[in-house]
Full PDB file with SEQRES, HELIX, SHEET, SSBOND, CRYST1, ORIGX, SCALE, CONECT and MASTER records, all heavy atoms in Angstrom:
SEQRES   1 A   40  ILE VAL LEU HIS LEU PRO MET LEU VAL HIS ALA HIS HIS          
SEQRES   2 A   40  MET MET GLY ASN ARG LEU VAL GLY MET PRO MET ASP PRO          
SEQRES   3 A   40  TRP MET HIS LEU GLY MET ALA LEU ILE LEU LEU GLY VAL          
SEQRES   4 A   40  PRO                                                          
HELIX    1 AA1 VAL A    2  HIS A    4  5                                   3    
HELIX    2 AA2 LEU A    5  MET A   14  1                                  10    
HELIX    3 AA3 PRO A   26  GLY A   38  1                                  13    
CRYST1    1.000    1.000    1.000  90.00  90.00  90.00 P 1           1          
ORIGX1      1.000000  0.000000  0.000000        0.00000                         
ORIGX2      0.000000  1.000000  0.000000        0.00000                         
ORIGX3      0.000000  0.000000  1.000000        0.00000                         
SCALE1      1.000000  0.000000  0.000000        0.00000                         
SCALE2      0.000000  1.000000  0.000000        0.00000                         
SCALE3      0.000000  0.000000  1.000000        0.00000                         
ATOM      1  N   ILE A   1       0.916  -8.031  -2.372  1.00  0.00           N  
ATOM      2  CA  ILE A   1       0.654  -6.962  -3.366  1.00  0.00           C  
ATOM      3  C   ILE A   1      -0.776  -6.488  -3.229  1.00  0.00           C  
ATOM      4  O   ILE A   1      -1.032  -5.269  -3.295  1.00  0.00           O  
ATOM      5  CB  ILE A   1       0.903  -7.520  -4.760  1.00  0.00           C  
ATOM      6  CG1 ILE A   1       2.417  -7.818  -4.958  1.00  0.00           C  
ATOM      7  CG2 ILE A   1       0.489  -6.540  -5.847  1.00  0.00           C  
ATOM      8  CD1 ILE A   1       2.781  -8.515  -6.171  1.00  0.00           C  
ATOM      9  N   VAL A   2      -1.730  -7.431  -3.014  1.00  0.00           N  
ATOM     10  CA  VAL A   2      -3.137  -7.034  -2.876  1.00  0.00           C  
ATOM     11  C   VAL A   2      -3.358  -6.099  -1.656  1.00  0.00           C  
ATOM     12  O   VAL A   2      -4.125  -5.126  -1.737  1.00  0.00           O  
ATOM     13  CB  VAL A   2      -4.033  -8.264  -2.736  1.00  0.00           C  
ATOM     14  CG1 VAL A   2      -5.495  -7.925  -2.331  1.00  0.00           C  
ATOM     15  CG2 VAL A   2      -4.028  -9.064  -4.046  1.00  0.00           C  
ATOM     16  N   LEU A   3      -2.600  -6.314  -0.588  1.00  0.00           N  
ATOM     17  CA  LEU A   3      -2.669  -5.473   0.595  1.00  0.00           C  
ATOM     18  C   LEU A   3      -2.190  -4.067   0.356  1.00  0.00           C  
ATOM     19  O   LEU A   3      -2.424  -3.170   1.170  1.00  0.00           O  
ATOM     20  CB  LEU A   3      -1.937  -6.088   1.757  1.00  0.00           C  
ATOM     21  CG  LEU A   3      -2.535  -7.360   2.337  1.00  0.00           C  
ATOM     22  CD1 LEU A   3      -1.675  -7.986   3.415  1.00  0.00           C  
ATOM     23  CD2 LEU A   3      -3.900  -7.010   2.955  1.00  0.00           C  
ATOM     24  N   HIS A   4      -1.498  -3.817  -0.771  1.00  0.00           N  
ATOM     25  CA  HIS A   4      -1.098  -2.399  -1.104  1.00  0.00           C  
ATOM     26  C   HIS A   4      -2.216  -1.688  -1.845  1.00  0.00           C  
ATOM     27  O   HIS A   4      -2.134  -0.443  -1.973  1.00  0.00           O  
ATOM     28  CB  HIS A   4       0.118  -2.447  -2.020  1.00  0.00           C  
ATOM     29  CG  HIS A   4       1.411  -2.723  -1.271  1.00  0.00           C  
ATOM     30  ND1 HIS A   4       1.752  -4.002  -0.808  1.00  0.00           N  
ATOM     31  CD2 HIS A   4       2.467  -1.930  -0.915  1.00  0.00           C  
ATOM     32  CE1 HIS A   4       2.942  -3.942  -0.191  1.00  0.00           C  
ATOM     33  NE2 HIS A   4       3.384  -2.718  -0.265  1.00  0.00           N  
ATOM     34  N   LEU A   5      -3.200  -2.426  -2.300  1.00  0.00           N  
ATOM     35  CA  LEU A   5      -4.185  -1.773  -3.169  1.00  0.00           C  
ATOM     36  C   LEU A   5      -5.136  -0.848  -2.364  1.00  0.00           C  
ATOM     37  O   LEU A   5      -5.564   0.190  -2.970  1.00  0.00           O  
ATOM     38  CB  LEU A   5      -5.049  -2.847  -3.896  1.00  0.00           C  
ATOM     39  CG  LEU A   5      -4.252  -3.697  -4.856  1.00  0.00           C  
ATOM     40  CD1 LEU A   5      -5.187  -4.718  -5.554  1.00  0.00           C  
ATOM     41  CD2 LEU A   5      -3.519  -2.880  -5.872  1.00  0.00           C  
ATOM     42  N   PRO A   6      -5.565  -1.137  -1.138  1.00  0.00           N  
ATOM     43  CA  PRO A   6      -6.461  -0.186  -0.445  1.00  0.00           C  
ATOM     44  C   PRO A   6      -5.919   1.279  -0.391  1.00  0.00           C  
ATOM     45  O   PRO A   6      -6.664   2.193  -0.604  1.00  0.00           O  
ATOM     46  CB  PRO A   6      -6.590  -0.781   0.954  1.00  0.00           C  
ATOM     47  CG  PRO A   6      -6.373  -2.245   0.776  1.00  0.00           C  
ATOM     48  CD  PRO A   6      -5.314  -2.351  -0.288  1.00  0.00           C  
ATOM     49  N   MET A   7      -4.665   1.433  -0.156  1.00  0.00           N  
ATOM     50  CA  MET A   7      -4.049   2.790  -0.095  1.00  0.00           C  
ATOM     51  C   MET A   7      -4.096   3.431  -1.492  1.00  0.00           C  
ATOM     52  O   MET A   7      -4.347   4.622  -1.645  1.00  0.00           O  
ATOM     53  CB  MET A   7      -2.651   2.687   0.414  1.00  0.00           C  
ATOM     54  CG  MET A   7      -2.027   4.052   0.695  1.00  0.00           C  
ATOM     55  SD  MET A   7      -0.460   3.852   1.662  1.00  0.00           S  
ATOM     56  CE  MET A   7       0.043   5.543   1.801  1.00  0.00           C  
ATOM     57  N   LEU A   8      -3.912   2.608  -2.538  1.00  0.00           N  
ATOM     58  CA  LEU A   8      -3.972   3.174  -3.885  1.00  0.00           C  
ATOM     59  C   LEU A   8      -5.374   3.549  -4.288  1.00  0.00           C  
ATOM     60  O   LEU A   8      -5.615   4.552  -4.930  1.00  0.00           O  
ATOM     61  CB  LEU A   8      -3.468   2.097  -4.863  1.00  0.00           C  
ATOM     62  CG  LEU A   8      -1.920   1.907  -4.944  1.00  0.00           C  
ATOM     63  CD1 LEU A   8      -1.535   0.620  -5.697  1.00  0.00           C  
ATOM     64  CD2 LEU A   8      -1.272   3.123  -5.561  1.00  0.00           C  
ATOM     65  N   VAL A   9      -6.376   2.720  -3.832  1.00  0.00           N  
ATOM     66  CA  VAL A   9      -7.795   3.050  -4.090  1.00  0.00           C  
ATOM     67  C   VAL A   9      -8.102   4.358  -3.351  1.00  0.00           C  
ATOM     68  O   VAL A   9      -8.840   5.234  -3.927  1.00  0.00           O  
ATOM     69  CB  VAL A   9      -8.686   1.872  -3.631  1.00  0.00           C  
ATOM     70  CG1 VAL A   9     -10.121   2.315  -3.707  1.00  0.00           C  
ATOM     71  CG2 VAL A   9      -8.422   0.649  -4.494  1.00  0.00           C  
ATOM     72  N   HIS A  10      -7.678   4.501  -2.145  1.00  0.00           N  
ATOM     73  CA  HIS A  10      -7.942   5.729  -1.356  1.00  0.00           C  
ATOM     74  C   HIS A  10      -7.321   6.920  -2.088  1.00  0.00           C  
ATOM     75  O   HIS A  10      -7.983   8.034  -2.227  1.00  0.00           O  
ATOM     76  CB  HIS A  10      -7.359   5.596   0.033  1.00  0.00           C  
ATOM     77  CG  HIS A  10      -7.430   6.875   0.836  1.00  0.00           C  
ATOM     78  ND1 HIS A  10      -8.643   7.317   1.394  1.00  0.00           N  
ATOM     79  CD2 HIS A  10      -6.521   7.761   1.159  1.00  0.00           C  
ATOM     80  CE1 HIS A  10      -8.389   8.456   2.033  1.00  0.00           C  
ATOM     81  NE2 HIS A  10      -7.077   8.712   1.910  1.00  0.00           N  
ATOM     82  N   ALA A  11      -6.104   6.776  -2.555  1.00  0.00           N  
ATOM     83  CA  ALA A  11      -5.459   7.877  -3.282  1.00  0.00           C  
ATOM     84  C   ALA A  11      -6.183   8.189  -4.550  1.00  0.00           C  
ATOM     85  O   ALA A  11      -6.251   9.396  -4.985  1.00  0.00           O  
ATOM     86  CB  ALA A  11      -4.003   7.501  -3.553  1.00  0.00           C  
ATOM     87  N   HIS A  12      -6.738   7.221  -5.243  1.00  0.00           N  
ATOM     88  CA  HIS A  12      -7.435   7.423  -6.462  1.00  0.00           C  
ATOM     89  C   HIS A  12      -8.718   8.219  -6.247  1.00  0.00           C  
ATOM     90  O   HIS A  12      -9.008   9.195  -6.988  1.00  0.00           O  
ATOM     91  CB  HIS A  12      -7.796   6.087  -7.095  1.00  0.00           C  
ATOM     92  CG  HIS A  12      -8.697   6.217  -8.371  1.00  0.00           C  
ATOM     93  ND1 HIS A  12      -8.264   6.810  -9.481  1.00  0.00           N  
ATOM     94  CD2 HIS A  12      -9.952   5.839  -8.553  1.00  0.00           C  
ATOM     95  CE1 HIS A  12      -9.216   6.789 -10.429  1.00  0.00           C  
ATOM     96  NE2 HIS A  12     -10.280   6.207  -9.823  1.00  0.00           N  
ATOM     97  N   HIS A  13      -9.433   7.944  -5.176  1.00  0.00           N  
ATOM     98  CA  HIS A  13     -10.720   8.668  -4.935  1.00  0.00           C  
ATOM     99  C   HIS A  13     -10.533  10.002  -4.228  1.00  0.00           C  
ATOM    100  O   HIS A  13     -11.348  10.939  -4.455  1.00  0.00           O  
ATOM    101  CB  HIS A  13     -11.629   7.761  -4.074  1.00  0.00           C  
ATOM    102  CG  HIS A  13     -12.170   6.582  -4.854  1.00  0.00           C  
ATOM    103  ND1 HIS A  13     -12.933   6.658  -5.952  1.00  0.00           N  
ATOM    104  CD2 HIS A  13     -11.939   5.215  -4.648  1.00  0.00           C  
ATOM    105  CE1 HIS A  13     -13.254   5.434  -6.379  1.00  0.00           C  
ATOM    106  NE2 HIS A  13     -12.612   4.564  -5.632  1.00  0.00           N  
ATOM    107  N   MET A  14      -9.522  10.086  -3.380  1.00  0.00           N  
ATOM    108  CA  MET A  14      -9.402  11.298  -2.515  1.00  0.00           C  
ATOM    109  C   MET A  14      -8.211  12.167  -2.836  1.00  0.00           C  
ATOM    110  O   MET A  14      -8.315  13.350  -2.583  1.00  0.00           O  
ATOM    111  CB  MET A  14      -9.208  10.815  -1.035  1.00  0.00           C  
ATOM    112  CG  MET A  14     -10.293   9.883  -0.545  1.00  0.00           C  
ATOM    113  SD  MET A  14     -11.960  10.651  -0.518  1.00  0.00           S  
ATOM    114  CE  MET A  14     -11.718  11.903   0.727  1.00  0.00           C  
ATOM    115  N   MET A  15      -7.199  11.654  -3.504  1.00  0.00           N  
ATOM    116  CA  MET A  15      -5.960  12.435  -3.677  1.00  0.00           C  
ATOM    117  C   MET A  15      -5.553  12.595  -5.168  1.00  0.00           C  
ATOM    118  O   MET A  15      -4.457  13.052  -5.423  1.00  0.00           O  
ATOM    119  CB  MET A  15      -4.834  11.743  -2.931  1.00  0.00           C  
ATOM    120  CG  MET A  15      -5.105  11.405  -1.451  1.00  0.00           C  
ATOM    121  SD  MET A  15      -5.237  12.904  -0.463  1.00  0.00           S  
ATOM    122  CE  MET A  15      -3.553  13.439  -0.453  1.00  0.00           C  
ATOM    123  N   GLY A  16      -6.425  12.291  -6.064  1.00  0.00           N  
ATOM    124  CA  GLY A  16      -6.114  12.389  -7.492  1.00  0.00           C  
ATOM    125  C   GLY A  16      -4.903  11.531  -7.873  1.00  0.00           C  
ATOM    126  O   GLY A  16      -4.032  11.887  -8.648  1.00  0.00           O  
ATOM    127  N   ASN A  17      -4.894  10.255  -7.354  1.00  0.00           N  
ATOM    128  CA  ASN A  17      -3.833   9.256  -7.623  1.00  0.00           C  
ATOM    129  C   ASN A  17      -2.451   9.661  -7.121  1.00  0.00           C  
ATOM    130  O   ASN A  17      -1.455   9.130  -7.566  1.00  0.00           O  
ATOM    131  CB  ASN A  17      -3.738   8.998  -9.143  1.00  0.00           C  
ATOM    132  CG  ASN A  17      -5.050   8.380  -9.694  1.00  0.00           C  
ATOM    133  OD1 ASN A  17      -5.567   7.406  -9.149  1.00  0.00           O  
ATOM    134  ND2 ASN A  17      -5.529   8.986 -10.775  1.00  0.00           N  
ATOM    135  N   ARG A  18      -2.416  10.546  -6.122  1.00  0.00           N  
ATOM    136  CA  ARG A  18      -1.128  11.019  -5.555  1.00  0.00           C  
ATOM    137  C   ARG A  18      -0.897  10.346  -4.206  1.00  0.00           C  
ATOM    138  O   ARG A  18      -1.778  10.397  -3.348  1.00  0.00           O  
ATOM    139  CB  ARG A  18      -1.105  12.525  -5.437  1.00  0.00           C  
ATOM    140  CG  ARG A  18      -1.221  13.268  -6.771  1.00  0.00           C  
ATOM    141  CD  ARG A  18      -1.409  14.741  -6.555  1.00  0.00           C  
ATOM    142  NE  ARG A  18      -0.259  15.321  -5.947  1.00  0.00           N  
ATOM    143  CZ  ARG A  18       0.796  15.857  -6.656  1.00  0.00           C  
ATOM    144  NH1 ARG A  18       0.760  15.845  -7.964  1.00  0.00           N  
ATOM    145  NH2 ARG A  18       1.791  16.418  -6.020  1.00  0.00           N  
ATOM    146  N   LEU A  19       0.273   9.760  -4.043  1.00  0.00           N  
ATOM    147  CA  LEU A  19       0.665   9.135  -2.783  1.00  0.00           C  
ATOM    148  C   LEU A  19       1.762   9.893  -2.067  1.00  0.00           C  
ATOM    149  O   LEU A  19       2.150   9.532  -0.923  1.00  0.00           O  
ATOM    150  CB  LEU A  19       1.115   7.707  -3.002  1.00  0.00           C  
ATOM    151  CG  LEU A  19       0.029   6.661  -3.395  1.00  0.00           C  
ATOM    152  CD1 LEU A  19       0.668   5.289  -3.646  1.00  0.00           C  
ATOM    153  CD2 LEU A  19      -0.974   6.557  -2.283  1.00  0.00           C  
ATOM    154  N   VAL A  20       2.341  10.897  -2.755  1.00  0.00           N  
ATOM    155  CA  VAL A  20       3.538  11.553  -2.189  1.00  0.00           C  
ATOM    156  C   VAL A  20       3.196  12.173  -0.823  1.00  0.00           C  
ATOM    157  O   VAL A  20       2.144  12.761  -0.601  1.00  0.00           O  
ATOM    158  CB  VAL A  20       4.048  12.669  -3.130  1.00  0.00           C  
ATOM    159  CG1 VAL A  20       2.990  13.704  -3.403  1.00  0.00           C  
ATOM    160  CG2 VAL A  20       5.319  13.319  -2.598  1.00  0.00           C  
ATOM    161  N   GLY A  21       4.088  11.894   0.138  1.00  0.00           N  
ATOM    162  CA  GLY A  21       3.899  12.427   1.468  1.00  0.00           C  
ATOM    163  C   GLY A  21       2.944  11.624   2.388  1.00  0.00           C  
ATOM    164  O   GLY A  21       2.908  11.930   3.583  1.00  0.00           O  
ATOM    165  N   MET A  22       2.301  10.630   1.825  1.00  0.00           N  
ATOM    166  CA  MET A  22       1.392   9.843   2.661  1.00  0.00           C  
ATOM    167  C   MET A  22       2.162   8.795   3.405  1.00  0.00           C  
ATOM    168  O   MET A  22       3.005   8.098   2.834  1.00  0.00           O  
ATOM    169  CB  MET A  22       0.339   9.131   1.795  1.00  0.00           C  
ATOM    170  CG  MET A  22      -0.658  10.100   1.110  1.00  0.00           C  
ATOM    171  SD  MET A  22      -1.885   9.204   0.100  1.00  0.00           S  
ATOM    172  CE  MET A  22      -2.652   8.165   1.350  1.00  0.00           C  
ATOM    173  N   PRO A  23       1.887   8.587   4.693  1.00  0.00           N  
ATOM    174  CA  PRO A  23       2.527   7.515   5.460  1.00  0.00           C  
ATOM    175  C   PRO A  23       1.966   6.144   5.001  1.00  0.00           C  
ATOM    176  O   PRO A  23       0.803   6.047   4.643  1.00  0.00           O  
ATOM    177  CB  PRO A  23       2.137   7.827   6.903  1.00  0.00           C  
ATOM    178  CG  PRO A  23       0.894   8.587   6.805  1.00  0.00           C  
ATOM    179  CD  PRO A  23       0.962   9.360   5.569  1.00  0.00           C  
ATOM    180  N   MET A  24       2.830   5.145   5.090  1.00  0.00           N  
ATOM    181  CA  MET A  24       2.374   3.791   4.729  1.00  0.00           C  
ATOM    182  C   MET A  24       1.446   3.230   5.814  1.00  0.00           C  
ATOM    183  O   MET A  24       1.765   3.339   7.044  1.00  0.00           O  
ATOM    184  CB  MET A  24       3.597   2.871   4.572  1.00  0.00           C  
ATOM    185  CG  MET A  24       4.484   3.214   3.390  1.00  0.00           C  
ATOM    186  SD  MET A  24       5.976   2.228   3.313  1.00  0.00           S  
ATOM    187  CE  MET A  24       5.272   0.620   3.022  1.00  0.00           C  
ATOM    188  N   ASP A  25       0.255   2.740   5.458  1.00  0.00           N  
ATOM    189  CA  ASP A  25      -0.697   2.247   6.449  1.00  0.00           C  
ATOM    190  C   ASP A  25      -0.265   0.824   6.898  1.00  0.00           C  
ATOM    191  O   ASP A  25       0.608   0.193   6.344  1.00  0.00           O  
ATOM    192  CB  ASP A  25      -2.089   2.302   5.876  1.00  0.00           C  
ATOM    193  CG  ASP A  25      -2.289   1.376   4.635  1.00  0.00           C  
ATOM    194  OD1 ASP A  25      -1.490   0.433   4.481  1.00  0.00           O  
ATOM    195  OD2 ASP A  25      -3.258   1.601   3.904  1.00  0.00           O  
ATOM    196  N   PRO A  26      -0.909   0.337   7.988  1.00  0.00           N  
ATOM    197  CA  PRO A  26      -0.564  -1.011   8.483  1.00  0.00           C  
ATOM    198  C   PRO A  26      -0.716  -2.116   7.454  1.00  0.00           C  
ATOM    199  O   PRO A  26       0.072  -3.126   7.477  1.00  0.00           O  
ATOM    200  CB  PRO A  26      -1.524  -1.208   9.674  1.00  0.00           C  
ATOM    201  CG  PRO A  26      -1.856   0.189  10.081  1.00  0.00           C  
ATOM    202  CD  PRO A  26      -1.895   0.975   8.867  1.00  0.00           C  
ATOM    203  N   TRP A  27      -1.684  -2.029   6.525  1.00  0.00           N  
ATOM    204  CA  TRP A  27      -1.858  -3.040   5.564  1.00  0.00           C  
ATOM    205  C   TRP A  27      -0.669  -3.095   4.580  1.00  0.00           C  
ATOM    206  O   TRP A  27      -0.268  -4.194   4.166  1.00  0.00           O  
ATOM    207  CB  TRP A  27      -3.147  -2.766   4.759  1.00  0.00           C  
ATOM    208  CG  TRP A  27      -4.412  -2.972   5.552  1.00  0.00           C  
ATOM    209  CD1 TRP A  27      -5.284  -1.983   5.913  1.00  0.00           C  
ATOM    210  CD2 TRP A  27      -4.856  -4.187   6.175  1.00  0.00           C  
ATOM    211  NE1 TRP A  27      -6.294  -2.498   6.651  1.00  0.00           N  
ATOM    212  CE2 TRP A  27      -6.094  -3.875   6.834  1.00  0.00           C  
ATOM    213  CE3 TRP A  27      -4.410  -5.508   6.183  1.00  0.00           C  
ATOM    214  CZ2 TRP A  27      -6.802  -4.844   7.539  1.00  0.00           C  
ATOM    215  CZ3 TRP A  27      -5.151  -6.444   6.887  1.00  0.00           C  
ATOM    216  CH2 TRP A  27      -6.340  -6.084   7.531  1.00  0.00           C  
ATOM    217  N   MET A  28      -0.116  -1.950   4.232  1.00  0.00           N  
ATOM    218  CA  MET A  28       1.057  -1.964   3.382  1.00  0.00           C  
ATOM    219  C   MET A  28       2.277  -2.594   4.082  1.00  0.00           C  
ATOM    220  O   MET A  28       3.050  -3.314   3.474  1.00  0.00           O  
ATOM    221  CB  MET A  28       1.415  -0.505   2.954  1.00  0.00           C  
ATOM    222  CG  MET A  28       0.385   0.051   1.942  1.00  0.00           C  
ATOM    223  SD  MET A  28       0.880   1.680   1.312  1.00  0.00           S  
ATOM    224  CE  MET A  28       2.267   1.270   0.277  1.00  0.00           C  
ATOM    225  N   HIS A  29       2.396  -2.282   5.405  1.00  0.00           N  
ATOM    226  CA  HIS A  29       3.514  -2.887   6.101  1.00  0.00           C  
ATOM    227  C   HIS A  29       3.352  -4.375   6.202  1.00  0.00           C  
ATOM    228  O   HIS A  29       4.352  -5.166   6.013  1.00  0.00           O  
ATOM    229  CB  HIS A  29       3.585  -2.283   7.528  1.00  0.00           C  
ATOM    230  CG  HIS A  29       4.204  -0.962   7.619  1.00  0.00           C  
ATOM    231  ND1 HIS A  29       3.493   0.178   7.777  1.00  0.00           N  
ATOM    232  CD2 HIS A  29       5.494  -0.567   7.537  1.00  0.00           C  
ATOM    233  CE1 HIS A  29       4.283   1.225   7.782  1.00  0.00           C  
ATOM    234  NE2 HIS A  29       5.499   0.852   7.636  1.00  0.00           N  
ATOM    235  N   LEU A  30       2.147  -4.872   6.435  1.00  0.00           N  
ATOM    236  CA  LEU A  30       1.870  -6.282   6.425  1.00  0.00           C  
ATOM    237  C   LEU A  30       2.152  -6.889   5.021  1.00  0.00           C  
ATOM    238  O   LEU A  30       2.774  -7.985   4.912  1.00  0.00           O  
ATOM    239  CB  LEU A  30       0.463  -6.580   6.870  1.00  0.00           C  
ATOM    240  CG  LEU A  30       0.042  -8.066   6.814  1.00  0.00           C  
ATOM    241  CD1 LEU A  30       0.873  -8.890   7.695  1.00  0.00           C  
ATOM    242  CD2 LEU A  30      -1.466  -8.176   7.217  1.00  0.00           C  
ATOM    243  N   GLY A  31       1.767  -6.185   3.999  1.00  0.00           N  
ATOM    244  CA  GLY A  31       1.972  -6.633   2.633  1.00  0.00           C  
ATOM    245  C   GLY A  31       3.409  -6.799   2.282  1.00  0.00           C  
ATOM    246  O   GLY A  31       3.873  -7.793   1.687  1.00  0.00           O  
ATOM    247  N   MET A  32       4.221  -5.832   2.697  1.00  0.00           N  
ATOM    248  CA  MET A  32       5.651  -5.891   2.453  1.00  0.00           C  
ATOM    249  C   MET A  32       6.274  -7.063   3.221  1.00  0.00           C  
ATOM    250  O   MET A  32       7.213  -7.720   2.711  1.00  0.00           O  
ATOM    251  CB  MET A  32       6.339  -4.584   2.816  1.00  0.00           C  
ATOM    252  CG  MET A  32       5.945  -3.400   1.936  1.00  0.00           C  
ATOM    253  SD  MET A  32       6.990  -1.903   2.182  1.00  0.00           S  
ATOM    254  CE  MET A  32       8.515  -2.433   1.439  1.00  0.00           C  
ATOM    255  N   ALA A  33       5.787  -7.282   4.416  1.00  0.00           N  
ATOM    256  CA  ALA A  33       6.318  -8.424   5.211  1.00  0.00           C  
ATOM    257  C   ALA A  33       6.035  -9.786   4.489  1.00  0.00           C  
ATOM    258  O   ALA A  33       6.831 -10.652   4.424  1.00  0.00           O  
ATOM    259  CB  ALA A  33       5.696  -8.444   6.617  1.00  0.00           C  
ATOM    260  N   LEU A  34       4.817  -9.883   3.939  1.00  0.00           N  
ATOM    261  CA  LEU A  34       4.435 -11.101   3.223  1.00  0.00           C  
ATOM    262  C   LEU A  34       5.327 -11.292   1.959  1.00  0.00           C  
ATOM    263  O   LEU A  34       5.643 -12.431   1.631  1.00  0.00           O  
ATOM    264  CB  LEU A  34       2.916 -11.052   2.853  1.00  0.00           C  
ATOM    265  CG  LEU A  34       1.948 -11.309   4.026  1.00  0.00           C  
ATOM    266  CD1 LEU A  34       0.535 -11.071   3.536  1.00  0.00           C  
ATOM    267  CD2 LEU A  34       2.071 -12.736   4.513  1.00  0.00           C  
ATOM    268  N   ILE A  35       5.568 -10.207   1.261  1.00  0.00           N  
ATOM    269  CA  ILE A  35       6.401 -10.271   0.109  1.00  0.00           C  
ATOM    270  C   ILE A  35       7.818 -10.689   0.440  1.00  0.00           C  
ATOM    271  O   ILE A  35       8.404 -11.535  -0.215  1.00  0.00           O  
ATOM    272  CB  ILE A  35       6.382  -8.955  -0.679  1.00  0.00           C  
ATOM    273  CG1 ILE A  35       5.005  -8.651  -1.298  1.00  0.00           C  
ATOM    274  CG2 ILE A  35       7.457  -8.881  -1.794  1.00  0.00           C  
ATOM    275  CD1 ILE A  35       4.837  -7.310  -1.882  1.00  0.00           C  
ATOM    276  N   LEU A  36       8.367 -10.113   1.501  1.00  0.00           N  
ATOM    277  CA  LEU A  36       9.697 -10.471   1.968  1.00  0.00           C  
ATOM    278  C   LEU A  36       9.765 -11.915   2.381  1.00  0.00           C  
ATOM    279  O   LEU A  36      10.826 -12.561   2.319  1.00  0.00           O  
ATOM    280  CB  LEU A  36      10.126  -9.569   3.117  1.00  0.00           C  
ATOM    281  CG  LEU A  36      10.382  -8.133   2.730  1.00  0.00           C  
ATOM    282  CD1 LEU A  36      10.654  -7.272   4.003  1.00  0.00           C  
ATOM    283  CD2 LEU A  36      11.578  -8.051   1.785  1.00  0.00           C  
ATOM    284  N   LEU A  37       8.676 -12.488   2.895  1.00  0.00           N  
ATOM    285  CA  LEU A  37       8.593 -13.918   3.239  1.00  0.00           C  
ATOM    286  C   LEU A  37       8.386 -14.702   2.000  1.00  0.00           C  
ATOM    287  O   LEU A  37       9.019 -15.828   1.825  1.00  0.00           O  
ATOM    288  CB  LEU A  37       7.463 -14.120   4.217  1.00  0.00           C  
ATOM    289  CG  LEU A  37       7.146 -15.623   4.503  1.00  0.00           C  
ATOM    290  CD1 LEU A  37       8.284 -16.284   5.298  1.00  0.00           C  
ATOM    291  CD2 LEU A  37       5.829 -15.689   5.356  1.00  0.00           C  
ATOM    292  N   GLY A  38       7.530 -14.299   1.017  1.00  0.00           N  
ATOM    293  CA  GLY A  38       7.143 -15.116  -0.087  1.00  0.00           C  
ATOM    294  C   GLY A  38       8.231 -15.271  -1.144  1.00  0.00           C  
ATOM    295  O   GLY A  38       8.394 -16.341  -1.733  1.00  0.00           O  
ATOM    296  N   VAL A  39       9.038 -14.227  -1.312  1.00  0.00           N  
ATOM    297  CA  VAL A  39      10.060 -14.312  -2.428  1.00  0.00           C  
ATOM    298  C   VAL A  39      11.105 -15.382  -2.114  1.00  0.00           C  
ATOM    299  O   VAL A  39      11.317 -16.220  -2.958  1.00  0.00           O  
ATOM    300  CB  VAL A  39      10.743 -12.909  -2.597  1.00  0.00           C  
ATOM    301  CG1 VAL A  39      11.986 -13.035  -3.503  1.00  0.00           C  
ATOM    302  CG2 VAL A  39       9.738 -11.901  -3.249  1.00  0.00           C  
ATOM    303  N   PRO A  40      11.743 -15.374  -0.935  1.00  0.00           N  
ATOM    304  CA  PRO A  40      12.719 -16.469  -0.737  1.00  0.00           C  
ATOM    305  C   PRO A  40      12.051 -17.860  -0.671  1.00  0.00           C  
ATOM    306  O   PRO A  40      12.672 -18.864  -1.103  1.00  0.00           O  
ATOM    307  CB  PRO A  40      13.388 -16.128   0.600  1.00  0.00           C  
ATOM    308  CG  PRO A  40      12.458 -15.180   1.277  1.00  0.00           C  
ATOM    309  CD  PRO A  40      11.742 -14.439   0.177  1.00  0.00           C  
TER     310      PRO A  40                                                      
MASTER        0    0    0    3    0    0    0    6  309    1    0    4          
END                                                                             
């Protein structure tokens, strides 16, 4: 979950809190992989 925050911080400062249309960065992909591992 923490690895998803950099993209949100970037959107807050540069995009007015908007993420629509933005591609997921490598940190978000890694974060989702950790969550998929951590939940089970």
